[in-house]
PDB file of N, CA and C in Angstrom:
ATOM      1  N   MET A   1      65.563  72.205 124.052  1.00  0.00           N
ATOM      2  CA  MET A   1      66.099  73.327 124.073  1.00  0.00           C
ATOM      3  C   MET A   1      67.693  73.123 123.446  1.00  0.00           C
ATOM      4  N   ASN A   2      67.373  73.960 122.001  1.00  0.00           N
ATOM      5  CA  ASN A   2      68.730  73.766 120.841  1.00  0.00           C
ATOM      6  C   ASN A   2      69.673  74.714 121.296  1.00  0.00           C
ATOM      7  N   ASN A   3      70.867  74.314 121.751  1.00  0.00           N
ATOM      8  CA  ASN A   3      71.866  75.045 122.689  1.00  0.00           C
ATOM      9  C   ASN A   3      73.240  75.037 121.620  1.00  0.00           C
ATOM     10  N   SER A   4      72.835  75.267 119.800  1.00  0.00           N
ATOM     11  CA  SER A   4      73.592  74.994 118.417  1.00  0.00           C
ATOM     12  C   SER A   4      74.190  76.679 118.872  1.00  0.00           C
ATOM     13  N   ARG A   5      75.514  77.267 118.583  1.00  0.00           N
ATOM     14  CA  ARG A   5      75.671  78.423 118.324  1.00  0.00           C
ATOM     15  C   ARG A   5      76.065  78.552 116.774  1.00  0.00           C
ATOM     16  N   ILE A   6      76.066  79.942 116.612  1.00  0.00           N
ATOM     17  CA  ILE A   6      76.463  80.336 115.506  1.00  0.00           C
ATOM     18  C   ILE A   6      77.986  80.799 115.409  1.00  0.00           C
ATOM     19  N   LYS A   7      78.224  79.687 114.049  1.00  0.00           N
ATOM     20  CA  LYS A   7      79.649  79.769 113.966  1.00  0.00           C
ATOM     21  C   LYS A   7      80.427  80.685 113.038  1.00  0.00           C
ATOM     22  N   PRO A   8      81.449  81.791 113.647  1.00  0.00           N
ATOM     23  CA  PRO A   8      81.477  83.247 113.010  1.00  0.00           C
ATOM     24  C   PRO A   8      82.809  83.073 112.215  1.00  0.00           C
ATOM     25  N   TYR A   9      82.847  83.978 111.221  1.00  0.00           N
ATOM     26  CA  TYR A   9      83.380  83.626 109.832  1.00  0.00           C
ATOM     27  C   TYR A   9      84.431  85.172 110.127  1.00  0.00           C
ATOM     28  N   PHE A  10      85.361  85.165 109.393  1.00  0.00           N
ATOM     29  CA  PHE A  10      86.334  86.470 109.825  1.00  0.00           C
ATOM     30  C   PHE A  10      86.556  87.100 107.976  1.00  0.00           C
ATOM     31  N   VAL A  11      86.382  88.135 108.211  1.00  0.00           N
ATOM     32  CA  VAL A  11      86.630  88.814 106.411  1.00  0.00           C
ATOM     33  C   VAL A  11      87.912  89.570 107.006  1.00  0.00           C
ATOM     34  N   VAL A  12      89.034  89.570 105.940  1.00  0.00           N
ATOM     35  CA  VAL A  12      90.251  90.450 106.156  1.00  0.00           C
ATOM     36  C   VAL A  12      90.334  91.800 105.431  1.00  0.00           C
ATOM     37  N   LEU A  13      89.989  93.384 105.335  1.00  0.00           N
ATOM     38  CA  LEU A  13      89.859  93.821 104.854  1.00  0.00           C
ATOM     39  C   LEU A  13      91.408  95.102 104.877  1.00  0.00           C
ATOM     40  N   ARG A  14      91.363  95.361 103.918  1.00  0.00           N
ATOM     41  CA  ARG A  14      92.726  96.668 103.652  1.00  0.00           C
ATOM     42  C   ARG A  14      91.225  97.718 103.544  1.00  0.00           C
ATOM     43  N   MET A  15      92.015  98.641 104.126  1.00  0.00           N
ATOM     44  CA  MET A  15      91.067 100.488 104.533  1.00  0.00           C
ATOM     45  C   MET A  15      91.418 101.038 103.293  1.00  0.00           C
ATOM     46  N   THR A  16      91.096 101.614 102.373  1.00  0.00           N
ATOM     47  CA  THR A  16      91.187 102.786 101.520  1.00  0.00           C
ATOM     48  C   THR A  16      91.453 104.015 102.229  1.00  0.00           C
ATOM     49  N   ASP A  17      91.622 105.045 101.185  1.00  0.00           N
ATOM     50  CA  ASP A  17      92.203 106.361 101.608  1.00  0.00           C
ATOM     51  C   ASP A  17      90.732 107.179 101.329  1.00  0.00           C
ATOM     52  N   ASN A  18      89.649 106.300 101.419  1.00  0.00           N
ATOM     53  CA  ASN A  18      88.231 107.007 101.259  1.00  0.00           C
ATOM     54  C   ASN A  18      87.881 107.492 102.788  1.00  0.00           C
ATOM     55  N   PRO A  19      87.712 108.697 103.192  1.00  0.00           N
ATOM     56  CA  PRO A  19      87.404 109.273 104.572  1.00  0.00           C
ATOM     57  C   PRO A  19      86.463 108.690 105.109  1.00  0.00           C
ATOM     58  N   LEU A  20      85.380 107.670 104.438  1.00  0.00           N
ATOM     59  CA  LEU A  20      84.345 107.208 105.144  1.00  0.00           C
ATOM     60  C   LEU A  20      84.867 105.825 105.662  1.00  0.00           C
ATOM     61  N   SER A  21      85.957 105.265 105.644  1.00  0.00           N
ATOM     62  CA  SER A  21      86.935 104.406 106.323  1.00  0.00           C
ATOM     63  C   SER A  21      87.675 104.769 107.517  1.00  0.00           C
ATOM     64  N   GLY A  22      87.602 105.970 107.969  1.00  0.00           N
ATOM     65  CA  GLY A  22      87.951 106.349 108.751  1.00  0.00           C
ATOM     66  C   GLY A  22      89.115 105.821 109.789  1.00  0.00           C
ATOM     67  N   ALA A  23      90.428 105.213 108.810  1.00  0.00           N
ATOM     68  CA  ALA A  23      91.072 104.784 109.334  1.00  0.00           C
ATOM     69  C   ALA A  23      92.020 104.895 107.996  1.00  0.00           C
ATOM     70  N   THR A  24      93.941 104.762 108.722  1.00  0.00           N
ATOM     71  CA  THR A  24      94.591 104.725 107.593  1.00  0.00           C
ATOM     72  C   THR A  24      95.105 104.421 106.481  1.00  0.00           C
ATOM     73  N   ALA A  25      95.406 104.771 105.168  1.00  0.00           N
ATOM     74  CA  ALA A  25      95.151 104.089 103.834  1.00  0.00           C
ATOM     75  C   ALA A  25      96.060 102.695 103.804  1.00  0.00           C
ATOM     76  N   GLY A  26      95.749 101.610 103.624  1.00  0.00           N
ATOM     77  CA  GLY A  26      96.497 100.993 103.998  1.00  0.00           C
ATOM     78  C   GLY A  26      96.238  99.821 105.095  1.00  0.00           C
ATOM     79  N   THR A  27      96.085  99.953 105.806  1.00  0.00           N
ATOM     80  CA  THR A  27      95.529  98.969 107.295  1.00  0.00           C
ATOM     81  C   THR A  27      95.324  97.928 106.764  1.00  0.00           C
ATOM     82  N   ILE A  28      95.136  96.989 106.999  1.00  0.00           N
ATOM     83  CA  ILE A  28      94.647  95.925 107.094  1.00  0.00           C
ATOM     84  C   ILE A  28      93.819  95.349 108.305  1.00  0.00           C
ATOM     85  N   LYS A  29      92.568  94.827 108.440  1.00  0.00           N
ATOM     86  CA  LYS A  29      91.796  94.442 109.562  1.00  0.00           C
ATOM     87  C   LYS A  29      91.420  93.132 109.272  1.00  0.00           C
ATOM     88  N   ILE A  30      91.417  93.001 110.612  1.00  0.00           N
ATOM     89  CA  ILE A  30      89.947  91.304 110.442  1.00  0.00           C
ATOM     90  C   ILE A  30      89.045  91.557 111.224  1.00  0.00           C
ATOM     91  N   TRP A  31      87.899  91.508 110.514  1.00  0.00           N
ATOM     92  CA  TRP A  31      86.343  91.857 111.044  1.00  0.00           C
ATOM     93  C   TRP A  31      85.772  90.304 111.385  1.00  0.00           C
ATOM     94  N   LYS A  32      85.760  90.283 112.734  1.00  0.00           N
ATOM     95  CA  LYS A  32      84.351  88.742 112.664  1.00  0.00           C
ATOM     96  C   LYS A  32      83.152  89.553 112.425  1.00  0.00           C
ATOM     97  N   ASP A  33      82.477  88.363 112.217  1.00  0.00           N
ATOM     98  CA  ASP A  33      80.900  88.447 111.293  1.00  0.00           C
ATOM     99  C   ASP A  33      80.302  87.111 111.897  1.00  0.00           C
ATOM    100  N   TYR A  34      78.791  87.223 111.734  1.00  0.00           N
ATOM    101  CA  TYR A  34      78.101  85.590 111.991  1.00  0.00           C
ATOM    102  C   TYR A  34      76.995  86.240 110.537  1.00  0.00           C
ATOM    103  N   ASP A  35      76.807  86.579 109.660  1.00  0.00           N
ATOM    104  CA  ASP A  35      76.237  86.362 109.126  1.00  0.00           C
ATOM    105  C   ASP A  35      76.339  86.618 107.474  1.00  0.00           C
ATOM    106  N   ASP A  36      76.587  85.070 107.144  1.00  0.00           N
ATOM    107  CA  ASP A  36      77.258  84.630 105.950  1.00  0.00           C
ATOM    108  C   ASP A  36      76.581  84.787 105.027  1.00  0.00           C
ATOM    109  N   GLY A  37      75.408  85.902 105.067  1.00  0.00           N
ATOM    110  CA  GLY A  37      74.679  86.257 103.679  1.00  0.00           C
ATOM    111  C   GLY A  37      74.746  87.390 102.917  1.00  0.00           C
ATOM    112  N   TYR A  38      75.613  88.257 104.454  1.00  0.00           N
ATOM    113  CA  TYR A  38      76.142  89.560 104.024  1.00  0.00           C
ATOM    114  C   TYR A  38      76.765  89.176 102.813  1.00  0.00           C
ATOM    115  N   VAL A  39      76.606  90.302 101.843  1.00  0.00           N
ATOM    116  CA  VAL A  39      77.311  90.900 100.906  1.00  0.00           C
ATOM    117  C   VAL A  39      78.724  91.948 101.306  1.00  0.00           C
ATOM    118  N   TRP A  40      79.851  91.795 101.488  1.00  0.00           N
ATOM    119  CA  TRP A  40      80.769  93.080 101.674  1.00  0.00           C
ATOM    120  C   TRP A  40      81.491  93.705 100.651  1.00  0.00           C
ATOM    121  N   GLY A  41      81.190  94.467 100.983  1.00  0.00           N
ATOM    122  CA  GLY A  41      81.732  95.792  99.426  1.00  0.00           C
ATOM    123  C   GLY A  41      81.776  97.518 100.079  1.00  0.00           C
ATOM    124  N   SER A  42      82.566  97.985  99.741  1.00  0.00           N
ATOM    125  CA  SER A  42      82.156  99.146 100.018  1.00  0.00           C
ATOM    126  C   SER A  42      83.737 100.127  99.638  1.00  0.00           C
ATOM    127  N   ALA A  43      83.586 101.198  99.429  1.00  0.00           N
ATOM    128  CA  ALA A  43      84.351 102.580  98.933  1.00  0.00           C
ATOM    129  C   ALA A  43      85.612 102.299  99.634  1.00  0.00           C
ATOM    130  N   ALA A  44      85.137 102.278 100.997  1.00  0.00           N
ATOM    131  CA  ALA A  44      86.207 102.608 102.647  1.00  0.00           C
ATOM    132  C   ALA A  44      87.235 101.505 102.328  1.00  0.00           C
ATOM    133  N   TYR A  45      86.733 100.379 102.136  1.00  0.00           N
ATOM    134  CA  TYR A  45      87.584  99.244 101.663  1.00  0.00           C
ATOM    135  C   TYR A  45      87.651  98.117 101.180  1.00  0.00           C
ATOM    136  N   GLU A  46      88.479  97.108 101.044  1.00  0.00           N
ATOM    137  CA  GLU A  46      88.982  96.562  99.680  1.00  0.00           C
ATOM    138  C   GLU A  46      89.027  94.908 100.157  1.00  0.00           C
ATOM    139  N   VAL A  47      88.165  94.213 100.037  1.00  0.00           N
ATOM    140  CA  VAL A  47      88.481  92.587 100.965  1.00  0.00           C
ATOM    141  C   VAL A  47      89.163  91.811 100.562  1.00  0.00           C
ATOM    142  N   LEU A  48      89.675  91.365 101.152  1.00  0.00           N
ATOM    143  CA  LEU A  48      91.494  90.529 100.780  1.00  0.00           C
ATOM    144  C   LEU A  48      90.662  89.176 100.994  1.00  0.00           C
ATOM    145  N   GLY A  49      90.015  88.976 101.598  1.00  0.00           N
ATOM    146  CA  GLY A  49      89.739  87.276 101.628  1.00  0.00           C
ATOM    147  C   GLY A  49      88.859  87.188 103.101  1.00  0.00           C
ATOM    148  N   TYR A  50      88.255  85.940 103.142  1.00  0.00           N
ATOM    149  CA  TYR A  50      87.363  85.334 103.821  1.00  0.00           C
ATOM    150  C   TYR A  50      88.068  84.117 104.870  1.00  0.00           C
ATOM    151  N   ALA A  51      87.807  83.777 106.052  1.00  0.00           N
ATOM    152  CA  ALA A  51      88.426  82.591 106.754  1.00  0.00           C
ATOM    153  C   ALA A  51      87.468  81.902 108.095  1.00  0.00           C
ATOM    154  N   ASP A  52      87.246  80.851 107.983  1.00  0.00           N
ATOM    155  CA  ASP A  52      86.820  80.279 108.841  1.00  0.00           C
ATOM    156  C   ASP A  52      87.307  80.326 110.258  1.00  0.00           C
ATOM    157  N   THR A  53      88.389  80.496 110.618  1.00  0.00           N
ATOM    158  CA  THR A  53      89.293  80.794 111.879  1.00  0.00           C
ATOM    159  C   THR A  53      90.070  82.084 112.008  1.00  0.00           C
ATOM    160  N   TYR A  54      90.058  82.502 112.896  1.00  0.00           N
ATOM    161  CA  TYR A  54      91.120  83.901 112.831  1.00  0.00           C
ATOM    162  C   TYR A  54      92.588  83.822 112.663  1.00  0.00           C
ATOM    163  N   ALA A  55      93.144  81.859 112.742  1.00  0.00           N
ATOM    164  CA  ALA A  55      94.458  82.208 112.164  1.00  0.00           C
ATOM    165  C   ALA A  55      94.383  81.949 110.845  1.00  0.00           C
ATOM    166  N   GLU A  56      93.576  81.615 109.776  1.00  0.00           N
ATOM    167  CA  GLU A  56      93.277  81.422 108.622  1.00  0.00           C
ATOM    168  C   GLU A  56      93.504  82.766 108.474  1.00  0.00           C
ATOM    169  N   ALA A  57      92.753  83.885 109.140  1.00  0.00           N
ATOM    170  CA  ALA A  57      92.289  85.058 108.600  1.00  0.00           C
ATOM    171  C   ALA A  57      94.033  86.202 108.978  1.00  0.00           C
ATOM    172  N   LYS A  58      94.605  85.665 109.925  1.00  0.00           N
ATOM    173  CA  LYS A  58      96.174  86.236 110.083  1.00  0.00           C
ATOM    174  C   LYS A  58      97.305  85.823 109.068  1.00  0.00           C
ATOM    175  N   GLU A  59      96.934  84.859 108.647  1.00  0.00           N
ATOM    176  CA  GLU A  59      97.685  84.334 107.061  1.00  0.00           C
ATOM    177  C   GLU A  59      97.299  85.275 105.774  1.00  0.00           C
ATOM    178  N   ILE A  60      96.266  85.459 105.845  1.00  0.00           N
ATOM    179  CA  ILE A  60      95.372  86.223 104.304  1.00  0.00           C
ATOM    180  C   ILE A  60      96.517  87.352 104.922  1.00  0.00           C
ATOM    181  N   ARG A  61      96.129  88.221 106.084  1.00  0.00           N
ATOM    182  CA  ARG A  61      96.713  89.030 106.521  1.00  0.00           C
ATOM    183  C   ARG A  61      98.276  89.319 106.118  1.00  0.00           C
ATOM    184  N   ARG A  62      99.066  88.190 106.584  1.00  0.00           N
ATOM    185  CA  ARG A  62     100.408  88.217 106.512  1.00  0.00           C
ATOM    186  C   ARG A  62     100.996  87.897 105.061  1.00  0.00           C
ATOM    187  N   GLY A  63      99.716  87.715 103.996  1.00  0.00           N
ATOM    188  CA  GLY A  63     100.010  88.117 102.509  1.00  0.00           C
ATOM    189  C   GLY A  63      99.929  86.314 101.996  1.00  0.00           C
ATOM    190  N   GLY A  64      99.543  85.464 103.153  1.00  0.00           N
ATOM    191  CA  GLY A  64      99.334  83.983 102.638  1.00  0.00           C
ATOM    192  C   GLY A  64      97.905  83.908 101.129  1.00  0.00           C
ATOM    193  N   VAL A  65      97.701  82.580 101.379  1.00  0.00           N
ATOM    194  CA  VAL A  65      97.034  82.192 100.383  1.00  0.00           C
ATOM    195  C   VAL A  65      95.315  82.743 100.825  1.00  0.00           C
ATOM    196  N   ALA A  66      94.256  83.323  99.995  1.00  0.00           N
ATOM    197  CA  ALA A  66      92.835  83.592 100.418  1.00  0.00           C
ATOM    198  C   ALA A  66      92.556  82.389 100.430  1.00  0.00           C
ATOM    199  N   VAL A  67      91.355  82.180 101.387  1.00  0.00           N
ATOM    200  CA  VAL A  67      90.396  81.486 101.162  1.00  0.00           C
ATOM    201  C   VAL A  67      89.258  82.090 100.671  1.00  0.00           C
ATOM    202  N   PRO A  68      88.662  81.158  99.652  1.00  0.00           N
ATOM    203  CA  PRO A  68      87.294  81.828  98.760  1.00  0.00           C
ATOM    204  C   PRO A  68      86.509  81.868  99.403  1.00  0.00           C
TER     205      PRO A  68
END
């Protein structure tokens, strides 16, 4: 039996003033995802960066260097 786990990654998003976001404009959120083939994009948010760890995602949120 294969016990390997899917490794998550993190996406850092800035919410827009679009009513679809349901959030206050400018709010920065970190979302965990597992589908590395997903194409992120919406009128409800702007993608600020991607990270392999939550700590890296927090650095992006603080204005650090984005991980491509």
